[in-house]
Amino acid sequence: MAQPSSATPDLTSFQNPVRIRAGFRLTFDVPFPTPMLFVVQPADRLHPTGTRQRIEDQRPLGAAQGIHSYTDTHGNTVWRALAPAGTFTVGHDLIAQISRNPDPTLPALPKTPVEALPDETITYLLPSRYVDSDLISDDAWARFGHIQGGWATVQAISDHLYGACVYGSGSTSATTASQALASGRAVCRDFAHMGVAYCRALNIPARYVCGYLPDIDIKPDPVPMDFHAWFEAYLDGQWRTFDARHNRPRAGRLVIAQGRDASDVAFTTTFGNARLTSMTVWADEAPDGMTLNDPPNPRVF
């Protein structure tokens, strides 16, 4: 399993740092040996304006001790395993340092014309497996086509989704952005897909992001912890964070991976009949002095 790079960023580049303890444990019932992929390991990430997150310490849990890892085309760490028949448990535990400052709000940012976009962003303008932006193009232009400015457009998309869709289960792992829009019910995965779809329909590159979102400087949510998903839009030369599920700046985002949609960053992909039987996720502020030898505070999901 990949370990943090020895060339870690200088912590002096952090503004208002906070330590986060995060991790998960997944257990599967595997009827016969089954190949599996996992996109679950955060890494050191740099932002053009400074350090975004640094992995202070980490350890594999369960069968992750023997998992092979590689880096995919989006720069994400992927674990690859052949799960043996029987009960298969895999997990990860880490402490990270990130900025405590909430997501920046930059309402004056312009929209970049398509002809001026960097080559590597063009793929994030195209429809993908769960982002059927071509099917909502007319609706996107009717709702948001009159808005001037890039940030203003994407914020209007988030505002609309936050008001139009009720947070709650109802979708499946096969639900697309247009289907979630039509249903009016969405979980964080759906909110991210819908935001990406509207952006792409309006010629704004957008990508899906998954990670941990602990309750930093807000009232703790009593519901069980899960992985979280949000989206990023490419505005004025950088990827900018938007989260239509919460629709307000939040602190403590710990990025695991990003891609075109959830098909690129699913926390597990199974090439066979492995059934998830239990899932535990934790993501909380780590007090000074906490180490991986101390117990985390998981909320059983």
Protein backbone atom coordinates (compact mmCIF):
# COMPACT_ATOMS: atom_id res chain seq x y z
CA MET A 1 0.00 0.00 0.00
CA ALA A 2 1.34 3.44 -0.88
CA GLN A 3 2.72 5.46 2.02
CA PRO A 4 2.97 9.26 2.30
CA SER A 5 5.72 10.85 0.28
CA SER A 6 8.85 11.73 2.22
CA ALA A 7 8.78 15.09 0.46
CA THR A 8 5.81 16.31 2.50
CA PRO A 9 4.75 19.96 2.32
CA ASP A 10 6.05 22.46 4.86
CA LEU A 11 3.42 22.91 7.57
CA THR A 12 4.26 26.61 7.79
CA SER A 13 2.21 27.01 4.59
CA PHE A 14 -0.94 26.08 6.53
CA GLN A 15 -3.25 28.85 7.59
CA ASN A 16 -5.13 28.09 10.81
CA PRO A 17 -4.35 24.34 10.76
CA VAL A 18 -6.54 21.60 12.21
CA ARG A 19 -5.75 17.91 12.75
CA ILE A 20 -8.29 15.38 11.47
CA ARG A 21 -8.60 11.73 12.50
CA ALA A 22 -10.35 9.82 9.73
CA GLY A 23 -10.76 6.30 8.50
CA PHE A 24 -13.06 3.42 7.72
CA ARG A 25 -13.59 -0.31 8.05
CA LEU A 26 -15.54 -2.35 5.47
CA THR A 27 -16.54 -6.00 5.83
CA PHE A 28 -17.70 -8.14 2.92
CA ASP A 29 -19.19 -11.60 2.58
CA VAL A 30 -17.24 -13.14 -0.32
CA PRO A 31 -18.63 -16.45 -1.69
CA PHE A 32 -15.57 -17.14 -3.86
CA PRO A 33 -12.23 -15.39 -4.53
CA THR A 34 -13.13 -12.00 -6.02
CA PRO A 35 -11.00 -9.19 -7.51
CA MET A 36 -11.78 -5.83 -5.92
CA LEU A 37 -10.67 -2.21 -6.24
CA PHE A 38 -10.80 0.46 -3.52
CA VAL A 39 -10.41 4.24 -3.88
CA VAL A 40 -10.16 5.17 -0.21
CA GLN A 41 -6.69 6.50 0.60
CA PRO A 42 -6.14 10.27 0.87
CA ALA A 43 -2.73 11.61 -0.08
CA ASP A 44 -0.75 14.81 0.36
CA ARG A 45 -2.32 17.38 -1.94
CA LEU A 46 -1.09 20.80 -2.93
CA HIS A 47 -3.25 23.74 -3.88
CA PRO A 48 -1.91 26.50 -6.16
CA THR A 49 -2.23 28.90 -3.21
CA GLY A 50 -0.48 26.61 -0.70
CA THR A 51 -0.80 23.32 1.11
CA ARG A 52 -4.25 21.80 1.08
CA GLN A 53 -3.74 18.66 3.14
CA ARG A 54 -0.87 16.68 4.61
CA ILE A 55 -1.08 13.11 5.85
CA GLU A 56 0.66 13.11 9.22
CA ASP A 57 0.37 9.38 9.88
CA GLN A 58 -1.61 6.44 8.49
CA ARG A 59 -1.99 2.70 8.79
CA PRO A 60 -3.85 -0.06 6.94
CA LEU A 61 -6.48 -2.06 8.79
CA GLY A 62 -7.40 -5.68 8.24
CA ALA A 63 -6.57 -7.13 4.84
CA ALA A 64 -5.26 -3.76 3.61
CA GLN A 65 -1.88 -4.86 4.99
CA GLY A 66 -1.26 -6.91 1.86
CA ILE A 67 -3.01 -4.84 -0.80
CA HIS A 68 -1.20 -3.68 -3.92
CA SER A 69 -1.73 -0.02 -4.91
CA TYR A 70 -1.26 2.08 -8.02
CA THR A 71 -2.01 5.62 -9.22
CA ASP A 72 -4.81 6.03 -11.77
CA THR A 73 -5.08 8.53 -14.62
CA HIS A 74 -6.72 11.12 -12.32
CA GLY A 75 -3.87 10.95 -9.80
CA ASN A 76 -5.83 8.94 -7.24
CA THR A 77 -4.42 6.06 -5.19
CA VAL A 78 -6.21 2.79 -5.99
CA TRP A 79 -5.95 -0.38 -3.94
CA ARG A 80 -6.17 -3.66 -5.82
CA ALA A 81 -6.92 -6.95 -4.07
CA LEU A 82 -8.07 -10.50 -4.64
CA ALA A 83 -10.47 -11.02 -1.76
CA PRO A 84 -10.44 -14.63 -0.53
CA ALA A 85 -13.66 -16.55 0.00
CA GLY A 86 -15.24 -15.91 3.37
CA THR A 87 -15.35 -12.76 5.48
CA PHE A 88 -13.12 -10.03 4.05
CA THR A 89 -12.40 -6.89 6.09
CA VAL A 90 -10.41 -3.92 4.85
CA GLY A 91 -9.82 -0.48 6.34
CA HIS A 92 -7.61 2.53 6.79
CA ASP A 93 -6.87 4.91 9.68
CA LEU A 94 -5.08 8.25 9.45
CA ILE A 95 -4.35 11.62 10.95
CA ALA A 96 -4.14 14.56 8.56
CA GLN A 97 -3.46 18.27 8.85
CA ILE A 98 -5.48 20.72 6.78
CA SER A 99 -6.52 24.34 6.97
CA ARG A 100 -9.33 25.12 9.39
CA ASN A 101 -10.47 27.96 7.14
CA PRO A 102 -13.79 27.25 5.39
CA ASP A 103 -14.17 26.94 1.62
CA PRO A 104 -13.26 30.27 -0.02
CA THR A 105 -16.04 32.35 -1.58
CA LEU A 106 -14.94 34.36 -4.63
CA PRO A 107 -18.07 35.83 -6.24
CA ALA A 108 -16.22 37.98 -8.79
CA LEU A 109 -14.53 35.08 -10.60
CA PRO A 110 -15.25 35.05 -14.34
CA LYS A 111 -16.14 32.15 -16.60
CA THR A 112 -13.31 31.03 -18.91
CA PRO A 113 -14.27 30.72 -22.60
CA VAL A 114 -13.99 27.17 -23.93
CA GLU A 115 -11.29 28.17 -26.42
CA ALA A 116 -9.12 29.46 -23.57
CA LEU A 117 -9.43 26.38 -21.33
CA PRO A 118 -6.35 24.19 -20.72
CA ASP A 119 -6.37 20.94 -22.69
CA GLU A 120 -6.56 18.79 -19.57
CA THR A 121 -9.89 20.34 -18.54
CA ILE A 122 -11.77 19.52 -21.75
CA THR A 123 -12.69 15.99 -20.63
CA TYR A 124 -14.59 17.61 -17.75
CA LEU A 125 -16.91 19.32 -20.24
CA LEU A 126 -18.17 16.03 -21.69
CA PRO A 127 -20.98 13.74 -20.53
CA SER A 128 -19.89 10.70 -18.53
CA ARG A 129 -21.47 7.58 -17.01
CA TYR A 130 -23.50 9.33 -14.30
CA VAL A 131 -23.26 12.91 -15.58
CA ASP A 132 -25.68 12.99 -18.53
CA SER A 133 -25.22 16.71 -19.05
CA ASP A 134 -26.45 16.48 -22.64
CA LEU A 135 -29.92 15.52 -21.37
CA ILE A 136 -30.29 18.61 -19.18
CA SER A 137 -28.69 21.15 -21.51
CA ASP A 138 -31.93 22.93 -22.42
CA ASP A 139 -32.94 23.18 -18.75
CA ALA A 140 -29.48 24.44 -17.78
CA TRP A 141 -29.46 27.25 -20.32
CA ALA A 142 -33.06 28.23 -19.53
CA ARG A 143 -32.32 28.45 -15.81
CA PHE A 144 -28.78 29.82 -15.73
CA GLY A 145 -27.80 30.96 -19.22
CA HIS A 146 -28.57 34.61 -18.46
CA ILE A 147 -26.22 34.80 -15.45
CA GLN A 148 -22.99 36.73 -15.93
CA GLY A 149 -19.81 35.47 -14.30
CA GLY A 150 -18.46 32.00 -13.58
CA TRP A 151 -18.75 31.92 -9.80
CA ALA A 152 -22.20 33.50 -9.90
CA THR A 153 -23.37 30.80 -12.32
CA VAL A 154 -22.06 27.86 -10.29
CA GLN A 155 -23.38 29.34 -7.03
CA ALA A 156 -26.79 29.75 -8.65
CA ILE A 157 -26.65 26.05 -9.61
CA SER A 158 -25.87 25.09 -6.01
CA ASP A 159 -28.63 27.34 -4.69
CA HIS A 160 -31.14 25.78 -7.06
CA LEU A 161 -30.19 22.19 -6.23
CA TYR A 162 -30.21 22.87 -2.49
CA GLY A 163 -33.75 24.22 -2.73
CA ALA A 164 -35.15 21.86 -5.34
CA CYS A 165 -33.95 18.51 -3.99
CA VAL A 166 -34.69 16.95 -0.61
CA TYR A 167 -31.74 15.21 1.03
CA GLY A 168 -32.64 11.57 1.50
CA SER A 169 -32.25 8.07 0.18
CA GLY A 170 -34.08 6.98 -2.92
CA SER A 171 -31.36 6.78 -5.52
CA THR A 172 -29.17 3.77 -6.28
CA SER A 173 -25.61 3.30 -7.44
CA ALA A 174 -26.96 3.45 -11.01
CA THR A 175 -28.83 6.77 -10.67
CA THR A 176 -27.72 9.48 -13.09
CA ALA A 177 -27.82 13.24 -12.64
CA SER A 178 -30.93 13.67 -14.76
CA GLN A 179 -32.74 10.89 -12.88
CA ALA A 180 -31.91 12.45 -9.52
CA LEU A 181 -33.14 15.81 -10.76
CA ALA A 182 -36.42 14.29 -11.89
CA SER A 183 -36.94 12.52 -8.57
CA GLY A 184 -36.34 15.56 -6.36
CA ARG A 185 -34.52 13.39 -3.78
CA ALA A 186 -30.77 13.13 -3.51
CA VAL A 187 -27.85 12.01 -1.38
CA CYS A 188 -24.48 13.74 -1.54
CA ARG A 189 -23.40 11.61 -4.53
CA ASP A 190 -26.46 12.82 -6.47
CA PHE A 191 -25.99 16.47 -5.48
CA ALA A 192 -22.42 16.30 -6.79
CA HIS A 193 -23.47 14.64 -10.05
CA MET A 194 -26.24 17.19 -10.62
CA GLY A 195 -23.90 20.11 -9.96
CA VAL A 196 -21.32 18.70 -12.35
CA ALA A 197 -23.98 18.07 -15.00
CA TYR A 198 -25.34 21.61 -14.92
CA CYS A 199 -21.82 23.07 -15.08
CA ARG A 200 -20.80 20.93 -18.05
CA ALA A 201 -24.04 21.76 -19.86
CA LEU A 202 -23.08 25.44 -19.49
CA ASN A 203 -19.49 24.86 -20.76
CA ILE A 204 -17.89 25.08 -17.30
CA PRO A 205 -15.48 22.20 -16.59
CA ALA A 206 -16.54 20.34 -13.47
CA ARG A 207 -15.42 17.20 -11.66
CA TYR A 208 -16.67 14.91 -8.92
CA VAL A 209 -14.77 14.81 -5.60
CA CYS A 210 -15.06 12.33 -2.74
CA GLY A 211 -13.57 12.43 0.72
CA TYR A 212 -14.26 12.97 4.40
CA LEU A 213 -16.17 15.95 5.79
CA PRO A 214 -15.93 16.06 9.60
CA ASP A 215 -18.08 18.42 11.67
CA ILE A 216 -15.51 21.18 12.18
CA ASP A 217 -16.76 24.35 13.90
CA ILE A 218 -20.41 23.35 13.44
CA LYS A 219 -22.94 21.49 15.59
CA PRO A 220 -22.15 17.76 15.33
CA ASP A 221 -24.54 15.75 13.18
CA PRO A 222 -25.87 12.74 15.14
CA VAL A 223 -26.46 10.57 12.05
CA PRO A 224 -23.87 7.88 11.25
CA MET A 225 -20.76 9.11 9.45
CA ASP A 226 -20.26 8.22 5.79
CA PHE A 227 -17.90 9.22 3.02
CA HIS A 228 -18.93 12.52 1.41
CA ALA A 229 -19.07 13.82 -2.17
CA TRP A 230 -19.00 17.35 -3.58
CA PHE A 231 -17.85 18.94 -6.82
CA GLU A 232 -15.28 21.35 -8.19
CA ALA A 233 -15.72 23.81 -11.05
CA TYR A 234 -12.79 25.18 -13.06
CA LEU A 235 -12.97 28.97 -12.76
CA ASP A 236 -10.29 31.56 -13.48
CA GLY A 237 -7.47 29.04 -13.76
CA GLN A 238 -8.18 26.88 -10.68
CA TRP A 239 -10.54 24.20 -9.42
CA ARG A 240 -13.03 25.73 -6.95
CA THR A 241 -15.04 23.86 -4.32
CA PHE A 242 -18.85 23.76 -4.32
CA ASP A 243 -21.14 21.54 -2.27
CA ALA A 244 -24.82 21.65 -3.22
CA ARG A 245 -25.69 19.20 -0.44
CA HIS A 246 -24.81 21.72 2.29
CA ASN A 247 -24.63 24.90 0.16
CA ARG A 248 -22.45 26.80 2.60
CA PRO A 249 -18.69 27.04 3.14
CA ARG A 250 -17.40 24.19 5.30
CA ALA A 251 -14.06 23.55 6.95
CA GLY A 252 -12.23 20.25 7.19
CA ARG A 253 -12.62 18.71 3.74
CA LEU A 254 -10.18 15.82 3.42
CA VAL A 255 -9.98 14.81 -0.25
CA ILE A 256 -9.64 11.16 -1.18
CA ALA A 257 -10.03 11.35 -4.95
CA GLN A 258 -11.52 13.18 -7.91
CA GLY A 259 -12.72 12.12 -11.35
CA ARG A 260 -15.34 12.55 -14.03
CA ASP A 261 -18.04 11.05 -11.80
CA ALA A 262 -18.55 8.35 -9.16
CA SER A 263 -17.54 5.60 -11.59
CA ASP A 264 -13.95 6.91 -11.41
CA VAL A 265 -13.82 7.16 -7.62
CA ALA A 266 -16.21 4.54 -6.22
CA PHE A 267 -14.91 3.54 -2.79
CA THR A 268 -15.20 -0.08 -3.88
CA THR A 269 -15.56 -1.82 -7.24
CA THR A 270 -16.23 -5.55 -7.19
CA PHE A 271 -15.60 -7.94 -10.05
CA GLY A 272 -17.85 -10.62 -8.64
CA ASN A 273 -20.44 -11.27 -5.95
CA ALA A 274 -18.96 -9.72 -2.79
CA ARG A 275 -21.67 -8.32 -0.48
CA LEU A 276 -20.97 -5.42 1.88
CA THR A 277 -22.19 -6.48 5.34
CA SER A 278 -20.89 -3.66 7.55
CA MET A 279 -19.37 -0.23 7.19
CA THR A 280 -17.83 2.05 9.79
CA VAL A 281 -16.51 5.54 8.98
CA TRP A 282 -14.95 8.12 11.27
CA ALA A 283 -13.84 11.71 10.66
CA ASP A 284 -13.42 14.09 13.59
CA GLU A 285 -11.07 16.72 14.89
CA ALA A 286 -8.01 15.11 16.49
CA PRO A 287 -6.90 16.78 19.72
CA ASP A 288 -3.24 17.71 20.12
CA GLY A 289 -1.35 14.66 21.21
CA MET A 290 -3.73 12.12 19.65
CA THR A 291 -1.96 9.34 17.76
CA LEU A 292 -3.12 6.29 15.85
CA ASN A 293 -2.63 4.31 19.06
CA ASP A 294 -5.64 6.12 20.51
CA PRO A 295 -9.13 4.86 19.58
CA PRO A 296 -11.03 6.89 16.95
CA ASN A 297 -14.63 7.98 17.37
CA PRO A 298 -16.47 5.98 14.70
CA ARG A 299 -20.16 6.39 13.97
CA VAL A 300 -21.42 3.04 12.79
CA PHE A 301 -23.15 3.26 9.40
